[in-house]
Amino acid sequence: MPPPICPQRYLEVLQDLILVRLELGEEDAAKLLAAQGAVKLEQLLATAPLEEKHHLAGKFAGLYQLQVDALAHTSIPEALALAECHRRLTLPQAIPFSLQTAQQQLNASDTLVYWHLSPFAITTFLLFRDYPPSALADDKRAALQQRQAFQQWWQAWQDARQQPAWHQQMGDRLYQLTQILDFDRLQQAIATQIGEVNRLLLVPHGGLHWLPLDTLLAEGLSDRQASILYLPHVSTSDAIAKPGSFADASLTIAGTDPEPLHTQIETTAIAALFQPNIQSLGADTTKTKLKTAIAQGTDILQFTGRARYLPDHPYRSAIALPAGQSLTLGELATWNLSRVRLICLPTCELASVPPAEATASGVVTTDPTLGNWATALLAAGATCVLHSLWCVDDLSTSLLLVRFYELLKAGHAPHPALSQARHWLRHLTYAQLAIWQGDRAKQLAAIDPECSEALMDAAMVAEIGQTNWGRPPAPTPIPTTGRDLS
């Protein structure tokens, strides 16, 4: 092709031509065109503003994805390195990638699972400290069938989410997803290589970011309670582990007043755990006061109230503040968050609805890897981010969060604390729930009599409940992203 006059139009035509070459079976020609396009794309990204980088990297992701597919059958390390290098193209500052360094950062019992989606395949890479990288890569026909099965599932998932009672059918739908992604094979591959895993690190891609992969994988780990966490990249040098316990940590609570009552109780119970190292801004929350609290060195920053995520313009996403104010992700990402060890955004969903481009296939033109709450806040210096995949507002989530903070105060790092809190909630009986609520009611009696009384009432109701509280009606969509602090 002649030198491009309009670079973006050139890349659009090039991507279409690559697909034609592939349909004709001319793979070598397609690879050559993809390599040429990748070079031109990197030149474009080098001078583009940050938000434009996100758009371009997603729009022309196919230039890299097809190369990764091909390399996955010939050189797994090269395929993984190429996928990761593309993921890093839109970072505010360039972070070089070394596969060897990434492996050295793992523990012997760690497994890093890295998914890569293309229009033709889903490749699952596995990274270990002491073994070469491996991949669950099928032949072309099987890979295409898996990709098409996921595409059909994804469309059904998005259609179901438009219904008011979509959570009630979620369990069956997510079980279908584990079959499509072949979780049994994945877990067998991990067991064959290292036996029992103590820490599972997940790096999703594309539409997989909006799915509770950590909860689904935890089901296959039985009662071992392995620590499961998300990473925005294979190796996150800006989120390296920091020493220290949360036993004496300071907490800042900011945002609009929590609603409904069980969320008020949740916030009050969490605040009580951190007395006297607690600063609750509440209705007085402003950007200036919040920035001051961060600069003074708060260990944990918890936001209450609602937030929105705009997948097509991620840095315009915002957290609601009192008096009609809002704090955008773009603003928060420019602050120095290096002194904040944990940011909790339990009502700040990664995306209430994925981008329109993702609806049909799960391959998005705005990859959530490139600009979501967790990725941006880690890049600004935070060590760990707890957020939500979709809007949650139920008693189970409040119980989970209070128990999570109790485990933090007991000395656990965020990721194992969340895993243990989930395990506790899954096996909680009504009798145990009644005792737990009664104990918390006594602790809050002098701090907030209204919340204490409400907890006592809830404990009395729990005493006459069924035998088991059981697992929540749907997988808890609250993951943690970042490095362990232990």
Protein backbone atom coordinates (compact mmCIF):
# COMPACT_ATOMS: atom_id res chain seq x y z
CA MET A 1 0.00 0.00 0.00
CA PRO A 2 1.27 3.56 -0.70
CA PRO A 3 2.29 5.86 2.17
CA PRO A 4 -0.80 7.02 4.08
CA ILE A 5 -2.24 10.49 3.61
CA CYS A 6 -4.68 10.10 6.51
CA PRO A 7 -3.12 7.72 9.08
CA GLN A 8 -6.39 6.65 10.70
CA ARG A 9 -8.10 5.98 7.39
CA TYR A 10 -5.03 4.03 6.28
CA LEU A 11 -5.25 1.81 9.37
CA GLU A 12 -8.99 1.28 8.88
CA VAL A 13 -8.42 0.05 5.32
CA LEU A 14 -5.46 -2.02 6.45
CA GLN A 15 -7.51 -3.83 9.09
CA ASP A 16 -10.18 -4.66 6.52
CA LEU A 17 -7.54 -5.92 4.11
CA ILE A 18 -6.04 -8.13 6.81
CA LEU A 19 -9.41 -9.78 7.39
CA VAL A 20 -9.77 -10.41 3.64
CA ARG A 21 -6.31 -12.00 3.52
CA LEU A 22 -7.19 -14.25 6.44
CA GLU A 23 -10.46 -15.31 4.81
CA LEU A 24 -8.46 -16.28 1.71
CA GLY A 25 -6.03 -18.29 3.82
CA GLU A 26 -3.14 -15.91 3.12
CA GLU A 27 -1.84 -15.84 6.69
CA ASP A 28 1.71 -14.73 5.90
CA ALA A 29 0.45 -11.74 3.95
CA ALA A 30 -1.97 -10.88 6.76
CA LYS A 31 0.82 -11.03 9.36
CA LEU A 32 3.00 -8.71 7.27
CA LEU A 33 0.19 -6.17 6.93
CA ALA A 34 -0.54 -6.39 10.67
CA ALA A 35 3.12 -5.72 11.48
CA GLN A 36 3.14 -2.68 9.18
CA GLY A 37 -0.03 -1.38 10.77
CA ALA A 38 1.30 -1.88 14.29
CA VAL A 39 4.31 0.32 13.51
CA LYS A 40 2.07 3.07 12.16
CA LEU A 41 -0.25 2.80 15.16
CA GLU A 42 2.64 3.21 17.60
CA GLN A 43 3.65 6.38 15.76
CA LEU A 44 0.12 7.73 16.11
CA LEU A 45 -0.07 6.87 19.81
CA ALA A 46 3.24 8.56 20.53
CA THR A 47 1.77 12.01 19.83
CA ALA A 48 -1.90 11.50 20.78
CA PRO A 49 -3.49 12.90 23.99
CA LEU A 50 -4.25 10.30 26.67
CA GLU A 51 -7.98 9.91 25.96
CA GLU A 52 -7.34 9.75 22.20
CA LYS A 53 -4.74 7.05 22.88
CA HIS A 54 -7.44 4.93 24.51
CA HIS A 55 -9.70 5.31 21.50
CA LEU A 56 -7.01 4.55 18.92
CA ALA A 57 -5.54 1.60 20.81
CA GLY A 58 -8.97 0.00 21.09
CA LYS A 59 -10.09 0.82 17.55
CA PHE A 60 -7.03 -0.77 15.97
CA ALA A 61 -6.42 -3.50 18.54
CA GLY A 62 -6.88 -6.11 15.82
CA LEU A 63 -3.45 -5.26 14.42
CA TYR A 64 -1.91 -6.74 17.56
CA GLN A 65 -4.52 -9.35 18.33
CA LEU A 66 -3.98 -11.28 15.11
CA GLN A 67 -0.22 -11.33 15.68
CA VAL A 68 -0.76 -12.64 19.21
CA ASP A 69 -3.02 -15.42 17.89
CA ALA A 70 -0.34 -16.55 15.46
CA LEU A 71 2.51 -16.40 17.98
CA ALA A 72 0.51 -18.37 20.57
CA HIS A 73 1.06 -21.47 18.39
CA THR A 74 4.77 -20.88 17.75
CA SER A 75 6.27 -18.84 20.59
CA ILE A 76 4.18 -18.43 23.75
CA PRO A 77 6.65 -16.02 25.45
CA GLU A 78 6.62 -13.75 22.38
CA ALA A 79 2.83 -13.89 22.17
CA LEU A 80 2.41 -12.93 25.82
CA ALA A 81 5.01 -10.16 25.54
CA LEU A 82 3.29 -8.68 22.47
CA ALA A 83 -0.13 -8.77 24.15
CA GLU A 84 1.27 -7.05 27.23
CA CYS A 85 3.17 -4.42 25.24
CA HIS A 86 -0.05 -3.46 23.46
CA ARG A 87 -1.83 -3.23 26.81
CA ARG A 88 0.79 -0.71 27.99
CA LEU A 89 0.70 1.56 24.95
CA THR A 90 -1.82 3.95 26.48
CA LEU A 91 -0.29 4.35 29.92
CA PRO A 92 0.43 7.99 30.85
CA GLN A 93 4.10 7.06 31.19
CA ALA A 94 5.84 4.28 29.30
CA ILE A 95 6.61 1.26 31.49
CA PRO A 96 8.97 -1.24 29.83
CA PHE A 97 8.03 -4.91 30.03
CA SER A 98 10.33 -7.82 30.80
CA LEU A 99 8.84 -11.30 31.00
CA GLN A 100 11.76 -12.47 33.11
CA THR A 101 11.26 -9.64 35.60
CA ALA A 102 7.55 -10.39 35.77
CA GLN A 103 8.27 -14.02 36.61
CA GLN A 104 10.75 -13.01 39.31
CA GLN A 105 8.06 -10.93 41.03
CA LEU A 106 5.91 -14.04 41.48
CA ASN A 107 6.11 -16.43 44.41
CA ALA A 108 6.69 -20.14 43.84
CA SER A 109 3.01 -20.91 44.56
CA ASP A 110 1.62 -18.06 42.44
CA THR A 111 -0.15 -18.42 39.12
CA LEU A 112 -0.84 -15.49 36.83
CA VAL A 113 -3.72 -16.04 34.39
CA TYR A 114 -3.73 -13.71 31.40
CA TRP A 115 -6.61 -13.73 28.92
CA HIS A 116 -6.32 -12.40 25.38
CA LEU A 117 -9.36 -11.92 23.14
CA SER A 118 -9.25 -11.49 19.39
CA PRO A 119 -11.99 -11.77 16.75
CA PHE A 120 -10.92 -15.38 16.16
CA ALA A 121 -9.74 -16.83 19.46
CA ILE A 122 -9.58 -16.64 23.24
CA THR A 123 -6.08 -17.45 24.45
CA THR A 124 -5.42 -18.11 28.13
CA PHE A 125 -1.78 -17.63 29.11
CA LEU A 126 -0.34 -19.01 32.35
CA LEU A 127 2.72 -17.49 33.98
CA PHE A 128 4.69 -19.13 36.82
CA ARG A 129 7.89 -18.16 38.60
CA ASP A 130 9.87 -21.35 38.04
CA TYR A 131 8.43 -22.65 34.76
CA PRO A 132 8.19 -21.36 31.19
CA PRO A 133 4.95 -19.59 30.24
CA SER A 134 2.23 -21.84 28.86
CA ALA A 135 -1.07 -21.27 27.08
CA LEU A 136 -4.41 -22.95 26.57
CA ALA A 137 -4.44 -22.52 22.80
CA ASP A 138 -6.60 -24.74 20.58
CA ASP A 139 -6.37 -25.39 16.86
CA LYS A 140 -7.96 -22.74 14.67
CA ARG A 141 -11.30 -24.48 14.26
CA ALA A 142 -11.75 -25.17 18.00
CA ALA A 143 -10.51 -21.68 18.89
CA LEU A 144 -13.02 -20.08 16.54
CA GLN A 145 -15.85 -22.21 17.95
CA GLN A 146 -14.93 -21.13 21.49
CA ARG A 147 -14.81 -17.49 20.40
CA GLN A 148 -18.21 -17.73 18.73
CA ALA A 149 -19.67 -19.46 21.79
CA PHE A 150 -18.45 -16.60 23.97
CA GLN A 151 -19.83 -14.05 21.53
CA GLN A 152 -23.28 -15.67 21.71
CA TRP A 153 -23.06 -15.92 25.50
CA TRP A 154 -21.98 -12.28 25.75
CA GLN A 155 -24.96 -11.09 23.71
CA ALA A 156 -27.34 -13.12 25.89
CA TRP A 157 -25.66 -11.70 29.01
CA GLN A 158 -26.13 -8.12 27.82
CA ASP A 159 -29.75 -8.78 26.85
CA ALA A 160 -30.44 -10.32 30.27
CA ARG A 161 -28.97 -7.31 32.07
CA GLN A 162 -31.71 -5.13 30.67
CA GLN A 163 -34.27 -7.09 32.70
CA PRO A 164 -35.18 -6.01 36.28
CA ALA A 165 -34.62 -9.46 37.83
CA TRP A 166 -31.48 -10.33 35.89
CA HIS A 167 -29.57 -11.27 39.06
CA GLN A 168 -31.87 -14.25 39.65
CA GLN A 169 -30.62 -16.01 36.51
CA MET A 170 -27.01 -14.97 36.94
CA GLY A 171 -25.75 -18.19 38.52
CA ASP A 172 -26.78 -20.39 35.59
CA ARG A 173 -25.42 -17.95 33.04
CA LEU A 174 -22.06 -17.68 34.78
CA TYR A 175 -21.81 -21.46 35.01
CA GLN A 176 -22.15 -21.52 31.22
CA LEU A 177 -19.29 -19.03 31.05
CA THR A 178 -17.00 -21.33 33.07
CA GLN A 179 -17.70 -24.05 30.51
CA ILE A 180 -16.93 -21.78 27.56
CA LEU A 181 -13.70 -20.51 29.13
CA ASP A 182 -12.83 -24.10 30.08
CA PHE A 183 -12.13 -23.41 33.75
CA ASP A 184 -11.79 -27.14 34.48
CA ARG A 185 -8.94 -27.36 32.01
CA LEU A 186 -7.41 -24.17 33.38
CA GLN A 187 -7.44 -25.42 36.96
CA GLN A 188 -6.04 -28.77 35.88
CA ALA A 189 -3.19 -27.05 34.06
CA ILE A 190 -2.36 -25.07 37.19
CA ALA A 191 -2.51 -28.15 39.42
CA THR A 192 -0.29 -30.11 37.04
CA GLN A 193 2.36 -27.41 37.05
CA ILE A 194 2.57 -26.24 40.68
CA GLY A 195 0.02 -28.28 42.65
CA GLU A 196 -1.85 -26.13 45.16
CA VAL A 197 -1.93 -22.42 44.37
CA ASN A 198 -1.81 -19.88 47.19
CA ARG A 199 -2.24 -16.74 45.11
CA LEU A 200 -4.05 -16.39 41.80
CA LEU A 201 -3.37 -13.22 39.81
CA LEU A 202 -5.89 -12.41 37.07
CA VAL A 203 -5.32 -10.15 34.07
CA PRO A 204 -8.55 -10.09 32.01
CA HIS A 205 -9.01 -8.61 28.55
CA GLY A 206 -11.88 -6.94 26.75
CA GLY A 207 -15.36 -7.88 27.91
CA LEU A 208 -13.97 -10.27 30.53
CA HIS A 209 -13.32 -7.20 32.69
CA TRP A 210 -17.05 -6.95 33.42
CA LEU A 211 -17.37 -10.50 34.71
CA PRO A 212 -16.67 -11.91 38.23
CA LEU A 213 -13.90 -14.27 37.15
CA ASP A 214 -12.36 -14.24 40.63
CA THR A 215 -15.56 -15.49 42.26
CA LEU A 216 -16.03 -18.19 39.62
CA LEU A 217 -12.46 -19.45 39.98
CA ALA A 218 -12.77 -19.43 43.77
CA GLU A 219 -15.53 -22.03 43.46
CA GLY A 220 -13.04 -24.45 41.94
CA LEU A 221 -10.51 -23.87 44.71
CA SER A 222 -12.85 -25.44 47.28
CA ASP A 223 -12.06 -24.34 50.83
CA ARG A 224 -8.40 -23.54 50.29
CA GLN A 225 -9.14 -19.80 50.32
CA ALA A 226 -6.40 -18.89 47.88
CA SER A 227 -5.86 -15.16 47.54
CA ILE A 228 -7.33 -14.02 44.21
CA LEU A 229 -6.68 -10.56 42.85
CA TYR A 230 -6.70 -8.61 39.63
CA LEU A 231 -3.76 -6.83 38.05
CA PRO A 232 -4.06 -4.20 35.31
CA HIS A 233 -0.84 -5.54 33.78
CA VAL A 234 1.42 -8.57 34.04
CA SER A 235 3.90 -6.63 36.12
CA THR A 236 2.77 -3.48 37.90
CA SER A 237 5.88 -1.61 38.93
CA ASP A 238 3.84 1.35 40.25
CA ALA A 239 1.98 -0.90 42.70
CA ILE A 240 4.79 -2.83 44.33
CA ALA A 241 4.06 -4.20 47.79
CA LYS A 242 4.52 -1.85 50.73
CA PRO A 243 5.23 -3.05 54.27
CA GLY A 244 3.00 -2.52 57.24
CA SER A 245 -0.16 -3.75 58.86
CA PHE A 246 -3.62 -2.21 58.78
CA ALA A 247 -4.05 -2.79 62.51
CA ASP A 248 -3.29 0.89 63.24
CA ALA A 249 -4.31 2.27 59.86
CA SER A 250 -6.07 5.59 59.40
CA LEU A 251 -9.34 5.78 57.50
CA THR A 252 -10.98 8.66 55.64
CA ILE A 253 -14.64 8.30 54.61
CA ALA A 254 -15.79 10.71 51.92
CA GLY A 255 -18.79 11.23 49.67
CA THR A 256 -22.53 11.61 49.95
CA ASP A 257 -24.46 10.22 52.91
CA PRO A 258 -24.97 6.46 52.48
CA GLU A 259 -28.42 5.03 51.79
CA PRO A 260 -30.32 2.81 52.60
CA LEU A 261 -30.24 1.81 56.27
CA HIS A 262 -28.07 -1.29 55.89
CA THR A 263 -25.48 0.85 54.08
CA GLN A 264 -25.58 3.41 56.92
CA ILE A 265 -24.97 0.59 59.39
CA GLU A 266 -22.12 -0.68 57.23
CA THR A 267 -20.43 2.74 57.18
CA THR A 268 -20.93 3.26 60.93
CA ALA A 269 -19.56 -0.19 61.78
CA ILE A 270 -16.50 0.34 59.60
CA ALA A 271 -15.85 3.78 61.11
CA ALA A 272 -16.06 2.31 64.63
CA LEU A 273 -13.31 -0.19 63.80
CA PHE A 274 -10.82 2.58 63.10
CA GLN A 275 -11.49 4.88 66.08
CA PRO A 276 -9.73 7.18 66.81
CA ASN A 277 -7.85 7.11 63.48
CA ILE A 278 -10.95 8.05 61.51
CA GLN A 279 -11.88 11.16 59.56
CA SER A 280 -15.43 11.20 58.23
CA LEU A 281 -15.98 14.10 55.85
CA GLY A 282 -19.59 13.19 55.08
CA ALA A 283 -21.69 16.15 53.99
CA ASP A 284 -18.60 18.38 54.24
CA THR A 285 -16.75 16.47 51.52
CA THR A 286 -15.19 18.80 48.97
CA LYS A 287 -12.35 18.25 46.53
CA THR A 288 -10.10 20.52 48.59
CA LYS A 289 -10.76 18.74 51.89
CA LEU A 290 -10.38 15.36 50.25
CA LYS A 291 -7.08 16.31 48.65
CA THR A 292 -5.84 17.64 52.00
CA ALA A 293 -6.74 14.39 53.77
CA ILE A 294 -4.83 12.42 51.15
CA ALA A 295 -1.80 14.70 51.38
CA GLN A 296 -1.75 14.28 55.17
CA GLY A 297 -1.33 10.54 54.72
CA THR A 298 -4.54 8.57 55.14
CA ASP A 299 -3.95 4.82 54.76
CA ILE A 300 -7.45 3.94 53.56
CA LEU A 301 -9.80 6.06 51.51
CA GLN A 302 -13.43 4.89 51.40
CA PHE A 303 -16.00 6.53 49.14
CA THR A 304 -19.72 6.35 49.92
CA GLY A 305 -22.55 7.27 47.63
CA ARG A 306 -22.92 6.63 43.93
CA ALA A 307 -20.52 6.91 41.06
CA ARG A 308 -20.78 6.50 37.33
CA TYR A 309 -18.41 4.98 34.82
CA LEU A 310 -18.41 6.17 31.20
CA PRO A 311 -16.66 3.42 29.23
CA ASP A 312 -16.34 5.44 26.03
CA HIS A 313 -14.88 8.42 27.93
CA PRO A 314 -13.41 6.81 31.08
CA TYR A 315 -11.67 9.88 32.47
CA ARG A 316 -15.01 11.71 32.58
CA SER A 317 -16.36 9.08 34.97
CA ALA A 318 -17.20 10.64 38.32
CA ILE A 319 -17.92 10.06 42.01
CA ALA A 320 -20.86 11.98 43.46
CA LEU A 321 -19.99 14.49 46.20
CA PRO A 322 -22.40 16.51 48.38
CA ALA A 323 -24.16 19.64 47.13
CA GLY A 324 -24.29 18.39 43.56
CA GLN A 325 -20.51 18.28 43.15
CA SER A 326 -18.59 15.47 41.52
CA LEU A 327 -15.00 14.26 41.35
CA THR A 328 -14.00 12.88 37.97
CA LEU A 329 -11.64 10.00 37.43
CA GLY A 330 -9.47 12.31 35.36
CA GLU A 331 -9.09 14.69 38.31
CA LEU A 332 -8.45 11.96 40.87
CA ALA A 333 -5.88 10.31 38.60
CA THR A 334 -3.75 13.48 38.65
CA TRP A 335 -3.48 13.51 42.44
CA ASN A 336 -0.55 11.95 44.25
CA LEU A 337 -2.04 8.82 45.82
CA SER A 338 1.26 7.20 46.78
CA ARG A 339 0.50 7.47 50.51
CA VAL A 340 -2.87 5.72 50.15
CA ARG A 341 -2.54 1.97 50.63
CA LEU A 342 -6.16 1.08 49.91
CA ILE A 343 -8.95 2.88 48.05
CA CYS A 344 -12.43 1.38 48.48
CA LEU A 345 -15.09 2.16 45.90
CA PRO A 346 -17.80 -0.41 46.68
CA THR A 347 -20.51 1.56 44.88
CA CYS A 348 -18.23 2.67 42.06
CA GLU A 349 -18.90 0.08 39.39
CA LEU A 350 -16.33 -0.63 36.71
CA ALA A 351 -19.12 -0.17 34.22
CA SER A 352 -22.86 -0.32 34.66
CA VAL A 353 -23.14 -0.92 30.93
CA PRO A 354 -20.19 -1.86 28.67
CA PRO A 355 -19.45 0.32 25.63
CA ALA A 356 -21.82 -0.03 22.70
CA GLU A 357 -19.02 -1.53 20.63
CA ALA A 358 -18.69 -4.39 23.12
CA THR A 359 -22.32 -5.43 23.02
CA ALA A 360 -22.08 -7.71 20.02
CA SER A 361 -18.81 -9.50 20.58
CA GLY A 362 -17.06 -8.79 23.84
CA VAL A 363 -14.11 -7.37 21.87
CA VAL A 364 -14.31 -3.71 22.78
CA THR A 365 -13.01 -0.68 20.93
CA THR A 366 -12.50 0.99 24.30
CA ASP A 367 -10.72 -1.65 26.35
CA PRO A 368 -11.53 -1.20 30.08
CA THR A 369 -7.91 -2.12 30.78
CA LEU A 370 -6.88 1.22 29.35
CA GLY A 371 -8.76 3.56 31.66
CA ASN A 372 -10.89 2.33 34.54
CA TRP A 373 -11.01 3.27 38.20
CA ALA A 374 -8.55 0.62 39.35
CA THR A 375 -5.99 1.11 36.57
CA ALA A 376 -6.00 4.90 36.83
CA LEU A 377 -5.75 5.01 40.63
CA LEU A 378 -2.93 2.47 40.70
CA ALA A 379 -1.09 4.57 38.11
CA ALA A 380 -1.54 7.59 40.42
CA GLY A 381 0.27 5.72 43.19
CA ALA A 382 -2.39 3.83 45.16
CA THR A 383 -1.36 0.33 46.16
CA CYS A 384 -4.71 -1.44 46.04
CA VAL A 385 -8.23 -0.61 44.82
CA LEU A 386 -11.48 -2.32 45.80
CA HIS A 387 -14.31 -1.59 43.39
CA SER A 388 -17.49 -3.11 41.98
CA LEU A 389 -18.22 -4.66 38.60
CA TRP A 390 -21.83 -3.51 38.68
CA CYS A 391 -24.16 -1.61 40.98
CA VAL A 392 -24.66 -3.49 44.26
CA ASP A 393 -26.97 -2.48 47.07
CA ASP A 394 -27.93 -5.39 49.32
CA LEU A 395 -27.38 -6.76 52.82
CA SER A 396 -24.94 -9.44 51.63
CA THR A 397 -22.58 -6.81 50.25
CA SER A 398 -22.72 -4.78 53.47
CA LEU A 399 -21.93 -7.88 55.52
CA LEU A 400 -19.05 -8.70 53.20
CA LEU A 401 -17.52 -5.23 53.48
CA VAL A 402 -17.75 -5.02 57.27
CA ARG A 403 -16.18 -8.47 57.60
CA PHE A 404 -13.48 -7.44 55.10
CA TYR A 405 -12.53 -4.44 57.24
CA GLU A 406 -12.54 -6.54 60.41
CA LEU A 407 -10.01 -8.87 58.81
CA LEU A 408 -7.91 -5.89 57.72
CA LYS A 409 -7.79 -4.69 61.33
CA ALA A 410 -6.81 -8.21 62.39
CA GLY A 411 -3.67 -7.95 60.26
CA HIS A 412 -4.66 -9.48 56.93
CA ALA A 413 -3.69 -7.94 53.60
CA PRO A 414 -6.58 -6.73 51.40
CA HIS A 415 -6.66 -9.61 48.91
CA PRO A 416 -6.66 -12.51 51.40
CA ALA A 417 -9.02 -10.50 53.62
CA LEU A 418 -11.54 -10.28 50.78
CA SER A 419 -11.15 -13.99 49.99
CA GLN A 420 -11.72 -14.93 53.63
CA ALA A 421 -14.69 -12.55 53.93
CA ARG A 422 -16.31 -14.23 50.93
CA HIS A 423 -15.67 -17.66 52.41
CA TRP A 424 -17.20 -16.52 55.73
CA LEU A 425 -20.31 -15.15 54.02
CA ARG A 426 -20.74 -18.24 51.86
CA HIS A 427 -20.81 -20.55 54.91
CA LEU A 428 -22.62 -18.22 57.34
CA THR A 429 -25.63 -19.71 59.15
CA TYR A 430 -28.55 -17.65 60.43
CA ALA A 431 -27.57 -18.52 64.00
CA GLN A 432 -24.05 -17.22 63.38
CA LEU A 433 -25.44 -14.13 61.65
CA ALA A 434 -27.66 -13.37 64.66
CA ILE A 435 -24.70 -13.59 67.05
CA TRP A 436 -22.52 -11.47 64.77
CA GLN A 437 -25.19 -8.76 64.42
CA GLY A 438 -25.87 -8.76 68.16
CA ASP A 439 -22.19 -8.28 68.95
CA ARG A 440 -21.90 -5.40 66.49
CA ALA A 441 -25.06 -3.80 67.91
CA LYS A 442 -23.48 -3.71 71.38
CA GLN A 443 -20.29 -2.18 69.97
CA LEU A 444 -22.25 0.59 68.24
CA ALA A 445 -24.66 1.37 71.10
CA ALA A 446 -22.72 4.39 72.35
CA ILE A 447 -21.65 5.56 68.89
CA ASP A 448 -24.90 5.40 66.93
CA PRO A 449 -27.98 4.24 68.89
CA GLU A 450 -30.17 4.16 65.76
CA CYS A 451 -27.83 1.81 63.90
CA SER A 452 -27.37 -0.28 67.04
CA GLU A 453 -31.12 -0.72 67.45
CA ALA A 454 -31.52 -1.64 63.79
CA LEU A 455 -28.82 -4.28 64.13
CA MET A 456 -30.51 -5.73 67.22
CA ASP A 457 -33.78 -5.99 65.29
CA ALA A 458 -31.96 -7.71 62.44
CA ALA A 459 -30.36 -10.16 64.88
CA MET A 460 -33.77 -11.09 66.27
CA VAL A 461 -35.05 -11.74 62.75
CA ALA A 462 -31.99 -13.85 61.94
CA GLU A 463 -32.57 -16.02 65.02
CA ILE A 464 -35.81 -17.34 63.54
CA GLY A 465 -34.38 -17.73 60.03
CA GLN A 466 -33.62 -20.87 58.11
CA THR A 467 -30.70 -23.14 58.96
CA ASN A 468 -28.24 -21.57 56.56
CA TRP A 469 -27.77 -18.02 55.41
CA GLY A 470 -26.12 -19.64 52.43
CA ARG A 471 -24.25 -18.01 49.61
CA PRO A 472 -25.45 -14.65 48.25
CA PRO A 473 -28.10 -14.87 45.51
CA ALA A 474 -25.45 -13.90 42.97
CA PRO A 475 -21.64 -13.86 42.89
CA THR A 476 -20.36 -10.84 44.78
CA PRO A 477 -19.06 -8.44 42.10
CA ILE A 478 -16.41 -6.79 44.30
CA PRO A 479 -12.81 -7.58 43.36
CA THR A 480 -9.52 -6.04 44.45
CA THR A 481 -6.89 -4.81 42.02
CA GLY A 482 -3.23 -4.24 42.94
CA ARG A 483 -0.40 -5.93 44.78
CA ASP A 484 -0.55 -7.69 48.15
CA LEU A 485 0.64 -5.58 51.07
CA SER A 486 1.89 -8.53 53.11
